[in-house]
Amino acid sequence: MIPIYTSNSVKFFYFIICYILLFISCNKDIPYLDAQGHRGARGLFPENTIEGFRRTIELGVSTLELDLVITKDHIPIVYHDFYINPNICLDENGDSIISNNRYLIYNKTLKEIKNFDCGSLNPNIKRFPEPPRINISGEKIPTLHEVFELIKNYPNRNIWLNIEIKYHPEKRSTAPRDIFVKEVIKIVKYYNSTNIVNIQSFDWKILEIVKSIDSTILTAGLLDYSTIISLNDSTPSPWLNGIHFENNGETSLTVLNKAKKYIDIFSPNWELIMPNNSKFLGARVTEIQNNGFTVIPWTINRTDIMLQLIEENVDGIITDYPDSLLLLMNKMQIQLKKN
């Protein structure tokens, strides 16, 4: 489903409005909600770009969600993939990139990375229709430094950064974990920003390293169905830092409790916390929260799913369409989380 204001179904529109009114009437204590723009606002602007982040901030989000990889000269840059994605970027000559694995970012210096145009292309026009999405030609891959410089321009907005460190535990596609994490934390500390960031990763070993360097930095354990399943009876998933899902109760909560020393926030694929979903992992949102974890699922672009997750009392929602989420929150009189 695309955002509510682009729907062609009048019946569905009235259904959503009635649903909202019913929800409000049944919920007197409307909570705060963390509205997170996924890769900025991927459904509206070029993902993980400075102009995309700027426009997302001006929409009114509380948090920018972004991805990090690292260059050959060990500079953390804001990008989702280990290779330059031909669906997102043009090469240094402004031409299309033919191969998915032509440009490994870890083999490139920052100077070389800055030659790519990553704002001119829509990676999937069917998924991200135009409008509302727009392209912004000439946008370069930013550094983490540049993102911190950007949010300095909005001192009264108290923007939070949800920073994902991209690391694959079975592939040598980037710098070693300890080097990568140290470079990221070095920048966070340079901007005195340990109190406005959390670091997330699918690779839970990354999160343990973060806590070993600075225990005050909040961490978020990302989880998808594909990253939780063990390889066999004796070998756990390579993503979960040695925790064996099937041998530890087979619920998201039992696995989280094993990682409680280094995970503060649970950030799952939204299907994993929906009781009526076939991928539900046996623990409801409130049960997870009662065990000390904040719950912020990803990536929710359908307003009906947003409503269901709000009913489940999630702490935040990560979306490609934060404008739709903010509109929904306004209709439901839900306040934006105060960072």
C-alpha atoms as a PDB file:
ATOM      1  CA  MET A   1       0.000   0.000   0.000  1.00  0.00           C
ATOM      2  CA  ILE A   2       1.240   3.521  -0.806  1.00  0.00           C
ATOM      3  CA  PRO A   3       0.643   6.456   1.572  1.00  0.00           C
ATOM      4  CA  ILE A   4      -2.928   7.214   2.473  1.00  0.00           C
ATOM      5  CA  TYR A   5      -3.131  10.430   0.469  1.00  0.00           C
ATOM      6  CA  THR A   6      -2.225   8.650  -2.802  1.00  0.00           C
ATOM      7  CA  SER A   7      -4.826   5.908  -2.440  1.00  0.00           C
ATOM      8  CA  ASN A   8      -7.440   5.724  -5.181  1.00  0.00           C
ATOM      9  CA  SER A   9      -9.908   3.847  -3.029  1.00  0.00           C
ATOM     10  CA  VAL A  10     -12.533   6.104  -1.455  1.00  0.00           C
ATOM     11  CA  LYS A  11     -13.961   3.203   0.504  1.00  0.00           C
ATOM     12  CA  PHE A  12     -10.582   2.367   1.953  1.00  0.00           C
ATOM     13  CA  PHE A  13     -10.023   6.022   2.852  1.00  0.00           C
ATOM     14  CA  TYR A  14     -13.265   6.152   4.848  1.00  0.00           C
ATOM     15  CA  PHE A  15     -12.406   2.839   6.455  1.00  0.00           C
ATOM     16  CA  ILE A  16      -9.115   4.261   7.705  1.00  0.00           C
ATOM     17  CA  ILE A  17     -10.759   7.438   9.007  1.00  0.00           C
ATOM     18  CA  CYS A  18     -13.387   5.409  10.875  1.00  0.00           C
ATOM     19  CA  TYR A  19     -10.682   3.143  12.229  1.00  0.00           C
ATOM     20  CA  ILE A  20      -8.749   6.149  13.542  1.00  0.00           C
ATOM     21  CA  LEU A  21     -11.823   7.654  15.202  1.00  0.00           C
ATOM     22  CA  LEU A  22     -12.639   4.330  16.825  1.00  0.00           C
ATOM     23  CA  PHE A  23      -9.060   4.009  18.023  1.00  0.00           C
ATOM     24  CA  ILE A  24      -9.093   7.477  19.571  1.00  0.00           C
ATOM     25  CA  SER A  25     -12.385   6.814  21.332  1.00  0.00           C
ATOM     26  CA  CYS A  26     -11.020   3.614  22.861  1.00  0.00           C
ATOM     27  CA  ASN A  27      -7.612   5.005  23.861  1.00  0.00           C
ATOM     28  CA  LYS A  28      -7.704   7.909  26.298  1.00  0.00           C
ATOM     29  CA  ASP A  29      -3.974   7.932  27.068  1.00  0.00           C
ATOM     30  CA  ILE A  30      -2.401   8.622  23.671  1.00  0.00           C
ATOM     31  CA  PRO A  31       1.331   7.892  23.881  1.00  0.00           C
ATOM     32  CA  TYR A  32       4.336   9.650  22.469  1.00  0.00           C
ATOM     33  CA  LEU A  33       5.748   8.044  19.343  1.00  0.00           C
ATOM     34  CA  ASP A  34       9.189   8.188  17.761  1.00  0.00           C
ATOM     35  CA  ALA A  35       8.654   8.988  14.061  1.00  0.00           C
ATOM     36  CA  GLN A  36      11.732   7.725  12.227  1.00  0.00           C
ATOM     37  CA  GLY A  37      12.457   8.498   8.594  1.00  0.00           C
ATOM     38  CA  HIS A  38      13.991   5.400   6.975  1.00  0.00           C
ATOM     39  CA  ARG A  39      17.212   6.365   5.174  1.00  0.00           C
ATOM     40  CA  GLY A  40      15.842   9.885   5.501  1.00  0.00           C
ATOM     41  CA  ALA A  41      12.546   9.489   3.702  1.00  0.00           C
ATOM     42  CA  ARG A  42      13.287   6.965   0.977  1.00  0.00           C
ATOM     43  CA  GLY A  43       9.771   7.086  -0.436  1.00  0.00           C
ATOM     44  CA  LEU A  44       9.973  10.864  -0.937  1.00  0.00           C
ATOM     45  CA  PHE A  45      13.619  11.792  -1.579  1.00  0.00           C
ATOM     46  CA  PRO A  46      16.905  10.117  -2.559  1.00  0.00           C
ATOM     47  CA  GLU A  47      17.903   7.848   0.304  1.00  0.00           C
ATOM     48  CA  ASN A  48      20.821   8.557   2.633  1.00  0.00           C
ATOM     49  CA  THR A  49      21.602  11.980   1.114  1.00  0.00           C
ATOM     50  CA  ILE A  50      22.118  15.334   2.788  1.00  0.00           C
ATOM     51  CA  GLU A  51      19.300  17.058   0.885  1.00  0.00           C
ATOM     52  CA  GLY A  52      17.041  14.086   1.586  1.00  0.00           C
ATOM     53  CA  PHE A  53      17.861  14.316   5.293  1.00  0.00           C
ATOM     54  CA  ARG A  54      17.317  18.091   5.285  1.00  0.00           C
ATOM     55  CA  ARG A  55      13.864  17.778   3.782  1.00  0.00           C
ATOM     56  CA  THR A  56      12.997  14.912   6.110  1.00  0.00           C
ATOM     57  CA  ILE A  57      13.923  17.000   9.145  1.00  0.00           C
ATOM     58  CA  GLU A  58      11.703  19.781   7.844  1.00  0.00           C
ATOM     59  CA  LEU A  59       8.785  17.349   7.578  1.00  0.00           C
ATOM     60  CA  GLY A  60       8.934  17.128  11.370  1.00  0.00           C
ATOM     61  CA  VAL A  61      10.417  13.720  12.240  1.00  0.00           C
ATOM     62  CA  SER A  62      11.987  13.034  15.606  1.00  0.00           C
ATOM     63  CA  THR A  63      14.659  10.660  14.246  1.00  0.00           C
ATOM     64  CA  LEU A  64      16.731  10.164  11.110  1.00  0.00           C
ATOM     65  CA  GLU A  65      17.493   6.510  10.427  1.00  0.00           C
ATOM     66  CA  LEU A  66      20.620   6.013   8.314  1.00  0.00           C
ATOM     67  CA  ASP A  67      23.137   3.385   7.235  1.00  0.00           C
ATOM     68  CA  LEU A  68      26.918   3.356   7.464  1.00  0.00           C
ATOM     69  CA  VAL A  69      29.611   1.613   5.478  1.00  0.00           C
ATOM     70  CA  ILE A  70      33.290   2.548   5.538  1.00  0.00           C
ATOM     71  CA  THR A  71      35.808   3.579   2.892  1.00  0.00           C
ATOM     72  CA  LYS A  72      39.294   2.312   2.141  1.00  0.00           C
ATOM     73  CA  ASP A  73      40.688   5.226   4.156  1.00  0.00           C
ATOM     74  CA  HIS A  74      38.414   4.284   7.094  1.00  0.00           C
ATOM     75  CA  ILE A  75      35.912   7.121   6.836  1.00  0.00           C
ATOM     76  CA  PRO A  76      32.319   6.179   7.768  1.00  0.00           C
ATOM     77  CA  ILE A  77      29.973   7.165   4.945  1.00  0.00           C
ATOM     78  CA  VAL A  78      26.194   7.106   4.768  1.00  0.00           C
ATOM     79  CA  TYR A  79      25.236   4.332   2.372  1.00  0.00           C
ATOM     80  CA  HIS A  80      23.247   1.107   2.574  1.00  0.00           C
ATOM     81  CA  ASP A  81      25.196  -1.331   0.411  1.00  0.00           C
ATOM     82  CA  PHE A  82      28.750  -2.656   0.384  1.00  0.00           C
ATOM     83  CA  TYR A  83      28.894  -2.015  -3.369  1.00  0.00           C
ATOM     84  CA  ILE A  84      27.713   1.036  -5.280  1.00  0.00           C
ATOM     85  CA  ASN A  85      24.153   0.157  -6.259  1.00  0.00           C
ATOM     86  CA  PRO A  86      23.465   0.739  -9.990  1.00  0.00           C
ATOM     87  CA  ASN A  87      19.785   1.335  -9.205  1.00  0.00           C
ATOM     88  CA  ILE A  88      20.682   4.285  -6.990  1.00  0.00           C
ATOM     89  CA  CYS A  89      23.873   5.854  -8.351  1.00  0.00           C
ATOM     90  CA  LEU A  90      25.460   6.970 -11.629  1.00  0.00           C
ATOM     91  CA  ASP A  91      29.214   6.649 -12.140  1.00  0.00           C
ATOM     92  CA  GLU A  92      31.825   9.407 -12.154  1.00  0.00           C
ATOM     93  CA  ASN A  93      30.908  10.250 -15.774  1.00  0.00           C
ATOM     94  CA  GLY A  94      27.183  10.406 -15.079  1.00  0.00           C
ATOM     95  CA  ASP A  95      26.631   7.089 -16.859  1.00  0.00           C
ATOM     96  CA  SER A  96      24.684   4.045 -15.707  1.00  0.00           C
ATOM     97  CA  ILE A  97      26.570   1.422 -13.723  1.00  0.00           C
ATOM     98  CA  ILE A  98      26.231  -1.983 -15.362  1.00  0.00           C
ATOM     99  CA  SER A  99      27.359  -4.394 -12.643  1.00  0.00           C
ATOM    100  CA  ASN A 100      26.096  -4.836  -9.084  1.00  0.00           C
ATOM    101  CA  ASN A 101      29.585  -5.697  -7.830  1.00  0.00           C
ATOM    102  CA  ARG A 102      31.777  -3.374  -9.836  1.00  0.00           C
ATOM    103  CA  TYR A 103      32.546  -0.857  -7.105  1.00  0.00           C
ATOM    104  CA  LEU A 104      33.263  -2.274  -3.640  1.00  0.00           C
ATOM    105  CA  ILE A 105      33.137   0.735  -1.313  1.00  0.00           C
ATOM    106  CA  TYR A 106      35.845  -0.651   0.959  1.00  0.00           C
ATOM    107  CA  ASN A 107      38.200  -0.576  -2.034  1.00  0.00           C
ATOM    108  CA  LYS A 108      37.528   3.119  -2.666  1.00  0.00           C
ATOM    109  CA  THR A 109      38.794   6.250  -0.916  1.00  0.00           C
ATOM    110  CA  LEU A 110      36.390   8.988   0.141  1.00  0.00           C
ATOM    111  CA  LYS A 111      37.648  11.154  -2.724  1.00  0.00           C
ATOM    112  CA  GLU A 112      36.714   8.417  -5.206  1.00  0.00           C
ATOM    113  CA  ILE A 113      33.341   7.794  -3.554  1.00  0.00           C
ATOM    114  CA  LYS A 114      32.437  11.467  -3.875  1.00  0.00           C
ATOM    115  CA  ASN A 115      32.424  11.150  -7.675  1.00  0.00           C
ATOM    116  CA  PHE A 116      29.145   9.215  -7.795  1.00  0.00           C
ATOM    117  CA  ASP A 117      25.760  10.873  -8.369  1.00  0.00           C
ATOM    118  CA  CYS A 118      23.293   9.171  -6.012  1.00  0.00           C
ATOM    119  CA  GLY A 119      20.321  11.499  -6.352  1.00  0.00           C
ATOM    120  CA  SER A 120      19.266  11.286  -9.995  1.00  0.00           C
ATOM    121  CA  LEU A 121      17.739   7.809 -10.006  1.00  0.00           C
ATOM    122  CA  ASN A 122      14.589   6.331  -8.521  1.00  0.00           C
ATOM    123  CA  PRO A 123      15.597   2.773  -7.535  1.00  0.00           C
ATOM    124  CA  ASN A 124      12.075   1.407  -7.984  1.00  0.00           C
ATOM    125  CA  ILE A 125       9.437   3.701  -9.459  1.00  0.00           C
ATOM    126  CA  LYS A 126       6.671   1.140  -8.908  1.00  0.00           C
ATOM    127  CA  ARG A 127       7.543   0.923  -5.208  1.00  0.00           C
ATOM    128  CA  PHE A 128       8.268   4.657  -4.853  1.00  0.00           C
ATOM    129  CA  PRO A 129       5.904   6.398  -7.321  1.00  0.00           C
ATOM    130  CA  GLU A 130       6.519   9.932  -8.567  1.00  0.00           C
ATOM    131  CA  PRO A 131       4.873  11.915  -7.112  1.00  0.00           C
ATOM    132  CA  PRO A 132       5.224  12.013  -4.189  1.00  0.00           C
ATOM    133  CA  ARG A 133       8.864  10.949  -4.656  1.00  0.00           C
ATOM    134  CA  ILE A 134      11.259  13.350  -6.361  1.00  0.00           C
ATOM    135  CA  ASN A 135      14.828  12.878  -7.576  1.00  0.00           C
ATOM    136  CA  ILE A 136      17.540  15.400  -6.658  1.00  0.00           C
ATOM    137  CA  SER A 137      20.309  15.315  -9.242  1.00  0.00           C
ATOM    138  CA  GLY A 138      23.918  15.535  -8.158  1.00  0.00           C
ATOM    139  CA  GLU A 139      23.490  14.361  -4.565  1.00  0.00           C
ATOM    140  CA  LYS A 140      26.730  12.785  -3.319  1.00  0.00           C
ATOM    141  CA  ILE A 141      27.243  10.055  -0.738  1.00  0.00           C
ATOM    142  CA  PRO A 142      27.701  11.942   2.543  1.00  0.00           C
ATOM    143  CA  THR A 143      30.036  11.227   5.412  1.00  0.00           C
ATOM    144  CA  LEU A 144      28.771  10.776   8.951  1.00  0.00           C
ATOM    145  CA  HIS A 145      30.552  14.071   9.713  1.00  0.00           C
ATOM    146  CA  GLU A 146      28.330  15.835   7.181  1.00  0.00           C
ATOM    147  CA  VAL A 147      25.171  14.503   8.826  1.00  0.00           C
ATOM    148  CA  PHE A 148      26.238  15.874  12.211  1.00  0.00           C
ATOM    149  CA  GLU A 149      27.029  19.212  10.562  1.00  0.00           C
ATOM    150  CA  LEU A 150      23.547  19.210   9.036  1.00  0.00           C
ATOM    151  CA  ILE A 151      21.685  18.665  12.295  1.00  0.00           C
ATOM    152  CA  LYS A 152      23.672  21.484  13.897  1.00  0.00           C
ATOM    153  CA  ASN A 153      21.537  23.740  11.688  1.00  0.00           C
ATOM    154  CA  TYR A 154      18.436  22.606  13.582  1.00  0.00           C
ATOM    155  CA  PRO A 155      19.365  23.181  17.250  1.00  0.00           C
ATOM    156  CA  ASN A 156      15.766  23.498  18.407  1.00  0.00           C
ATOM    157  CA  ARG A 157      14.589  20.301  16.743  1.00  0.00           C
ATOM    158  CA  ASN A 158      16.587  17.872  18.947  1.00  0.00           C
ATOM    159  CA  ILE A 159      16.987  15.412  16.082  1.00  0.00           C
ATOM    160  CA  TRP A 160      17.965  11.876  17.096  1.00  0.00           C
ATOM    161  CA  LEU A 161      20.183   9.724  14.852  1.00  0.00           C
ATOM    162  CA  ASN A 162      19.509   6.007  14.515  1.00  0.00           C
ATOM    163  CA  ILE A 163      22.794   4.850  12.972  1.00  0.00           C
ATOM    164  CA  GLU A 164      23.017   1.394  11.441  1.00  0.00           C
ATOM    165  CA  ILE A 165      26.462  -0.151  11.056  1.00  0.00           C
ATOM    166  CA  LYS A 166      26.364  -2.426   8.026  1.00  0.00           C
ATOM    167  CA  TYR A 167      28.367  -5.580   8.567  1.00  0.00           C
ATOM    168  CA  HIS A 168      27.987  -9.111   7.192  1.00  0.00           C
ATOM    169  CA  PRO A 169      29.447 -11.713   9.575  1.00  0.00           C
ATOM    170  CA  GLU A 170      30.109 -14.215   6.782  1.00  0.00           C
ATOM    171  CA  LYS A 171      31.561 -11.932   4.114  1.00  0.00           C
ATOM    172  CA  ARG A 172      34.715  -9.818   4.084  1.00  0.00           C
ATOM    173  CA  SER A 173      33.093  -6.824   2.473  1.00  0.00           C
ATOM    174  CA  THR A 174      34.251  -4.094   4.812  1.00  0.00           C
ATOM    175  CA  ALA A 175      36.629  -3.175   7.646  1.00  0.00           C
ATOM    176  CA  PRO A 176      36.957  -5.451  10.697  1.00  0.00           C
ATOM    177  CA  ARG A 177      34.286  -4.863  13.312  1.00  0.00           C
ATOM    178  CA  ASP A 178      36.526  -3.226  15.920  1.00  0.00           C
ATOM    179  CA  ILE A 179      38.010  -0.744  13.450  1.00  0.00           C
ATOM    180  CA  PHE A 180      34.613   0.136  12.001  1.00  0.00           C
ATOM    181  CA  VAL A 181      32.968   0.658  15.401  1.00  0.00           C
ATOM    182  CA  LYS A 182      35.867   2.716  16.763  1.00  0.00           C
ATOM    183  CA  GLU A 183      35.764   5.074  13.774  1.00  0.00           C
ATOM    184  CA  VAL A 184      32.025   5.608  14.182  1.00  0.00           C
ATOM    185  CA  ILE A 185      32.218   6.257  17.917  1.00  0.00           C
ATOM    186  CA  LYS A 186      35.158   8.592  17.386  1.00  0.00           C
ATOM    187  CA  ILE A 187      32.922  10.824  15.236  1.00  0.00           C
ATOM    188  CA  VAL A 188      29.986  10.617  17.655  1.00  0.00           C
ATOM    189  CA  LYS A 189      32.263  11.734  20.488  1.00  0.00           C
ATOM    190  CA  TYR A 190      33.838  14.474  18.371  1.00  0.00           C
ATOM    191  CA  TYR A 191      30.377  16.043  18.138  1.00  0.00           C
ATOM    192  CA  ASN A 192      29.609  15.350  21.834  1.00  0.00           C
ATOM    193  CA  SER A 193      26.583  13.421  20.640  1.00  0.00           C
ATOM    194  CA  THR A 194      26.472  10.199  22.628  1.00  0.00           C
ATOM    195  CA  ASN A 195      23.194  11.471  24.099  1.00  0.00           C
ATOM    196  CA  ILE A 196      21.419  11.905  20.728  1.00  0.00           C
ATOM    197  CA  VAL A 197      22.318   8.678  18.925  1.00  0.00           C
ATOM    198  CA  ASN A 198      21.790   4.977  19.058  1.00  0.00           C
ATOM    199  CA  ILE A 199      23.761   2.454  17.067  1.00  0.00           C
ATOM    200  CA  GLN A 200      21.921  -0.443  15.497  1.00  0.00           C
ATOM    201  CA  SER A 201      23.008  -3.530  13.588  1.00  0.00           C
ATOM    202  CA  PHE A 202      21.800  -6.913  12.398  1.00  0.00           C
ATOM    203  CA  ASP A 203      25.179  -8.212  13.540  1.00  0.00           C
ATOM    204  CA  TRP A 204      24.786  -8.289  17.312  1.00  0.00           C
ATOM    205  CA  LYS A 205      28.535  -8.655  17.898  1.00  0.00           C
ATOM    206  CA  ILE A 206      28.819  -5.064  16.657  1.00  0.00           C
ATOM    207  CA  LEU A 207      26.534  -3.957  19.490  1.00  0.00           C
ATOM    208  CA  GLU A 208      28.596  -5.758  22.106  1.00  0.00           C
ATOM    209  CA  ILE A 209      31.694  -3.943  20.832  1.00  0.00           C
ATOM    210  CA  VAL A 210      29.872  -0.599  21.023  1.00  0.00           C
ATOM    211  CA  LYS A 211      29.019  -1.207  24.680  1.00  0.00           C
ATOM    212  CA  SER A 212      32.583  -2.311  25.449  1.00  0.00           C
ATOM    213  CA  ILE A 213      33.840   1.053  24.179  1.00  0.00           C
ATOM    214  CA  ASP A 214      31.109   3.237  25.691  1.00  0.00           C
ATOM    215  CA  SER A 215      28.332   1.654  27.712  1.00  0.00           C
ATOM    216  CA  THR A 216      26.296   4.890  27.677  1.00  0.00           C
ATOM    217  CA  ILE A 217      25.585   4.697  23.943  1.00  0.00           C
ATOM    218  CA  LEU A 218      22.196   3.126  23.289  1.00  0.00           C
ATOM    219  CA  THR A 219      22.150   0.120  20.980  1.00  0.00           C
ATOM    220  CA  ALA A 220      19.414  -1.457  18.874  1.00  0.00           C
ATOM    221  CA  GLY A 221      19.307  -5.105  17.872  1.00  0.00           C
ATOM    222  CA  LEU A 222      17.908  -5.423  14.367  1.00  0.00           C
ATOM    223  CA  LEU A 223      16.173  -8.696  13.605  1.00  0.00           C
ATOM    224  CA  ASP A 224      14.619 -10.345  10.596  1.00  0.00           C
ATOM    225  CA  TYR A 225      13.319 -13.885  10.251  1.00  0.00           C
ATOM    226  CA  SER A 226      16.316 -14.726   8.065  1.00  0.00           C
ATOM    227  CA  THR A 227      18.836 -13.585  10.691  1.00  0.00           C
ATOM    228  CA  ILE A 228      17.403 -15.412  13.688  1.00  0.00           C
ATOM    229  CA  ILE A 229      17.209 -18.985  12.396  1.00  0.00           C
ATOM    230  CA  SER A 230      20.115 -21.205  13.480  1.00  0.00           C
ATOM    231  CA  LEU A 231      22.220 -22.995  10.898  1.00  0.00           C
ATOM    232  CA  ASN A 232      21.679 -26.361  12.587  1.00  0.00           C
ATOM    233  CA  ASP A 233      21.149 -27.923  16.024  1.00  0.00           C
ATOM    234  CA  SER A 234      24.630 -27.001  17.232  1.00  0.00           C
ATOM    235  CA  THR A 235      25.395 -23.869  15.191  1.00  0.00           C
ATOM    236  CA  PRO A 236      23.485 -20.627  15.868  1.00  0.00           C
ATOM    237  CA  SER A 237      22.760 -17.918  13.322  1.00  0.00           C
ATOM    238  CA  PRO A 238      25.974 -16.018  12.538  1.00  0.00           C
ATOM    239  CA  TRP A 239      24.126 -12.747  13.174  1.00  0.00           C
ATOM    240  CA  LEU A 240      23.232 -13.242  16.851  1.00  0.00           C
ATOM    241  CA  ASN A 241      26.627 -13.224  18.520  1.00  0.00           C
ATOM    242  CA  GLY A 242      26.518 -16.906  19.489  1.00  0.00           C
ATOM    243  CA  ILE A 243      22.893 -17.043  20.694  1.00  0.00           C
ATOM    244  CA  HIS A 244      21.002 -20.133  19.514  1.00  0.00           C
ATOM    245  CA  PHE A 245      17.351 -19.288  18.839  1.00  0.00           C
ATOM    246  CA  GLU A 246      15.928 -22.804  18.854  1.00  0.00           C
ATOM    247  CA  ASN A 247      17.852 -23.768  21.994  1.00  0.00           C
ATOM    248  CA  ASN A 248      16.683 -20.695  23.905  1.00  0.00           C
ATOM    249  CA  GLY A 249      12.918 -20.827  23.957  1.00  0.00           C
ATOM    250  CA  GLU A 250      12.285 -19.898  20.313  1.00  0.00           C
ATOM    251  CA  THR A 251      10.853 -16.447  21.082  1.00  0.00           C
ATOM    252  CA  SER A 252      12.237 -13.012  20.372  1.00  0.00           C
ATOM    253  CA  LEU A 253      12.170 -12.200  24.080  1.00  0.00           C
ATOM    254  CA  THR A 254      14.208 -15.204  25.210  1.00  0.00           C
ATOM    255  CA  VAL A 255      16.871 -14.333  22.647  1.00  0.00           C
ATOM    256  CA  LEU A 256      16.831 -10.659  23.626  1.00  0.00           C
ATOM    257  CA  ASN A 257      17.256 -11.514  27.292  1.00  0.00           C
ATOM    258  CA  LYS A 258      20.429 -13.385  26.374  1.00  0.00           C
ATOM    259  CA  ALA A 259      21.721 -10.149  24.853  1.00  0.00           C
ATOM    260  CA  LYS A 260      20.455  -7.813  27.558  1.00  0.00           C
ATOM    261  CA  LYS A 261      23.932  -6.605  28.522  1.00  0.00           C
ATOM    262  CA  TYR A 262      24.457  -4.984  25.152  1.00  0.00           C
ATOM    263  CA  ILE A 263      21.004  -4.351  23.604  1.00  0.00           C
ATOM    264  CA  ASP A 264      18.651  -1.579  24.733  1.00  0.00           C
ATOM    265  CA  ILE A 265      16.243  -1.351  21.783  1.00  0.00           C
ATOM    266  CA  PHE A 266      14.558  -4.143  19.866  1.00  0.00           C
ATOM    267  CA  SER A 267      14.137  -3.234  16.204  1.00  0.00           C
ATOM    268  CA  PRO A 268      12.503  -6.125  14.336  1.00  0.00           C
ATOM    269  CA  ASN A 269      10.816  -6.600  11.018  1.00  0.00           C
ATOM    270  CA  TRP A 270       7.288  -5.571  12.025  1.00  0.00           C
ATOM    271  CA  GLU A 271       5.886  -9.013  11.134  1.00  0.00           C
ATOM    272  CA  LEU A 272       7.852 -10.611  13.985  1.00  0.00           C
ATOM    273  CA  ILE A 273       5.866  -8.760  16.664  1.00  0.00           C
ATOM    274  CA  MET A 274       2.368  -9.059  15.165  1.00  0.00           C
ATOM    275  CA  PRO A 275       0.462 -11.869  16.924  1.00  0.00           C
ATOM    276  CA  ASN A 276      -1.732 -12.561  13.897  1.00  0.00           C
ATOM    277  CA  ASN A 277       1.224 -12.902  11.532  1.00  0.00           C
ATOM    278  CA  SER A 278       2.719 -16.264  10.535  1.00  0.00           C
ATOM    279  CA  LYS A 279       6.213 -14.934  11.380  1.00  0.00           C
ATOM    280  CA  PHE A 280       5.264 -13.853  14.916  1.00  0.00           C
ATOM    281  CA  LEU A 281       8.068 -14.835  17.299  1.00  0.00           C
ATOM    282  CA  GLY A 282       5.994 -15.532  20.374  1.00  0.00           C
ATOM    283  CA  ALA A 283       6.435 -12.325  22.403  1.00  0.00           C
ATOM    284  CA  ARG A 284       4.104  -9.325  22.280  1.00  0.00           C
ATOM    285  CA  VAL A 285       5.334  -5.748  22.351  1.00  0.00           C
ATOM    286  CA  THR A 286       4.253  -5.021  25.926  1.00  0.00           C
ATOM    287  CA  GLU A 287       5.912  -8.214  27.174  1.00  0.00           C
ATOM    288  CA  ILE A 288       9.188  -7.184  25.525  1.00  0.00           C
ATOM    289  CA  GLN A 289       8.877  -3.661  26.951  1.00  0.00           C
ATOM    290  CA  ASN A 290       8.185  -5.036  30.428  1.00  0.00           C
ATOM    291  CA  ASN A 291      11.559  -6.753  30.216  1.00  0.00           C
ATOM    292  CA  GLY A 292      13.316  -3.438  29.703  1.00  0.00           C
ATOM    293  CA  PHE A 293      13.518  -3.062  25.922  1.00  0.00           C
ATOM    294  CA  THR A 294      12.239  -0.231  23.746  1.00  0.00           C
ATOM    295  CA  VAL A 295      10.445  -1.583  20.642  1.00  0.00           C
ATOM    296  CA  ILE A 296      10.841   0.178  17.276  1.00  0.00           C
ATOM    297  CA  PRO A 297       9.933  -1.968  14.230  1.00  0.00           C
ATOM    298  CA  TRP A 298      10.846  -1.405  10.565  1.00  0.00           C
ATOM    299  CA  THR A 299       9.886  -0.594   7.740  1.00  0.00           C
ATOM    300  CA  ILE A 300       6.151   0.239   7.795  1.00  0.00           C
ATOM    301  CA  ASN A 301       4.706   2.084   4.806  1.00  0.00           C
ATOM    302  CA  ARG A 302       1.050   1.026   5.049  1.00  0.00           C
ATOM    303  CA  THR A 303      -1.184   3.137   7.250  1.00  0.00           C
ATOM    304  CA  ASP A 304      -3.287   0.158   8.301  1.00  0.00           C
ATOM    305  CA  ILE A 305      -0.157  -1.597   9.593  1.00  0.00           C
ATOM    306  CA  MET A 306       0.942   1.598  11.352  1.00  0.00           C
ATOM    307  CA  LEU A 307      -2.411   1.617  13.137  1.00  0.00           C
ATOM    308  CA  GLN A 308      -2.061  -2.010  14.204  1.00  0.00           C
ATOM    309  CA  LEU A 309       1.436  -1.392  15.555  1.00  0.00           C
ATOM    310  CA  ILE A 310       0.260   1.672  17.467  1.00  0.00           C
ATOM    311  CA  GLU A 311      -2.430  -0.521  19.001  1.00  0.00           C
ATOM    312  CA  GLU A 312       0.369  -2.879  20.053  1.00  0.00           C
ATOM    313  CA  ASN A 313       1.966   0.124  21.843  1.00  0.00           C
ATOM    314  CA  VAL A 314       5.256   0.257  19.956  1.00  0.00           C
ATOM    315  CA  ASP A 315       7.632   3.046  20.985  1.00  0.00           C
ATOM    316  CA  GLY A 316       8.375   4.166  17.441  1.00  0.00           C
ATOM    317  CA  ILE A 317       7.896   3.394  13.770  1.00  0.00           C
ATOM    318  CA  ILE A 318      10.502   3.429  11.007  1.00  0.00           C
ATOM    319  CA  THR A 319       9.009   4.319   7.619  1.00  0.00           C
ATOM    320  CA  ASP A 320       9.896   5.396   4.079  1.00  0.00           C
ATOM    321  CA  TYR A 321       6.914   7.761   4.298  1.00  0.00           C
ATOM    322  CA  PRO A 322       7.269   9.774   7.518  1.00  0.00           C
ATOM    323  CA  ASP A 323       4.845  12.362   6.138  1.00  0.00           C
ATOM    324  CA  SER A 324       2.078   9.751   6.199  1.00  0.00           C
ATOM    325  CA  LEU A 325       3.035   8.653   9.712  1.00  0.00           C
ATOM    326  CA  LEU A 326       3.063  12.252  10.968  1.00  0.00           C
ATOM    327  CA  LEU A 327      -0.343  12.893   9.373  1.00  0.00           C
ATOM    328  CA  LEU A 328      -1.708   9.789  11.045  1.00  0.00           C
ATOM    329  CA  MET A 329      -0.234  10.801  14.412  1.00  0.00           C
ATOM    330  CA  ASN A 330      -1.822  14.227  14.092  1.00  0.00           C
ATOM    331  CA  LYS A 331      -5.245  12.722  13.367  1.00  0.00           C
ATOM    332  CA  MET A 332      -4.846  10.404  16.368  1.00  0.00           C
ATOM    333  CA  GLN A 333      -3.534  13.206  18.623  1.00  0.00           C
ATOM    334  CA  ILE A 334      -0.314  11.283  19.278  1.00  0.00           C
ATOM    335  CA  GLN A 335       2.558  13.490  20.365  1.00  0.00           C
ATOM    336  CA  LEU A 336       5.995  13.324  18.773  1.00  0.00           C
ATOM    337  CA  LYS A 337       8.617  11.776  21.008  1.00  0.00           C
ATOM    338  CA  LYS A 338      10.740  14.415  22.754  1.00  0.00           C
ATOM    339  CA  ASN A 339      14.403  13.457  22.400  1.00  0.00           C
END
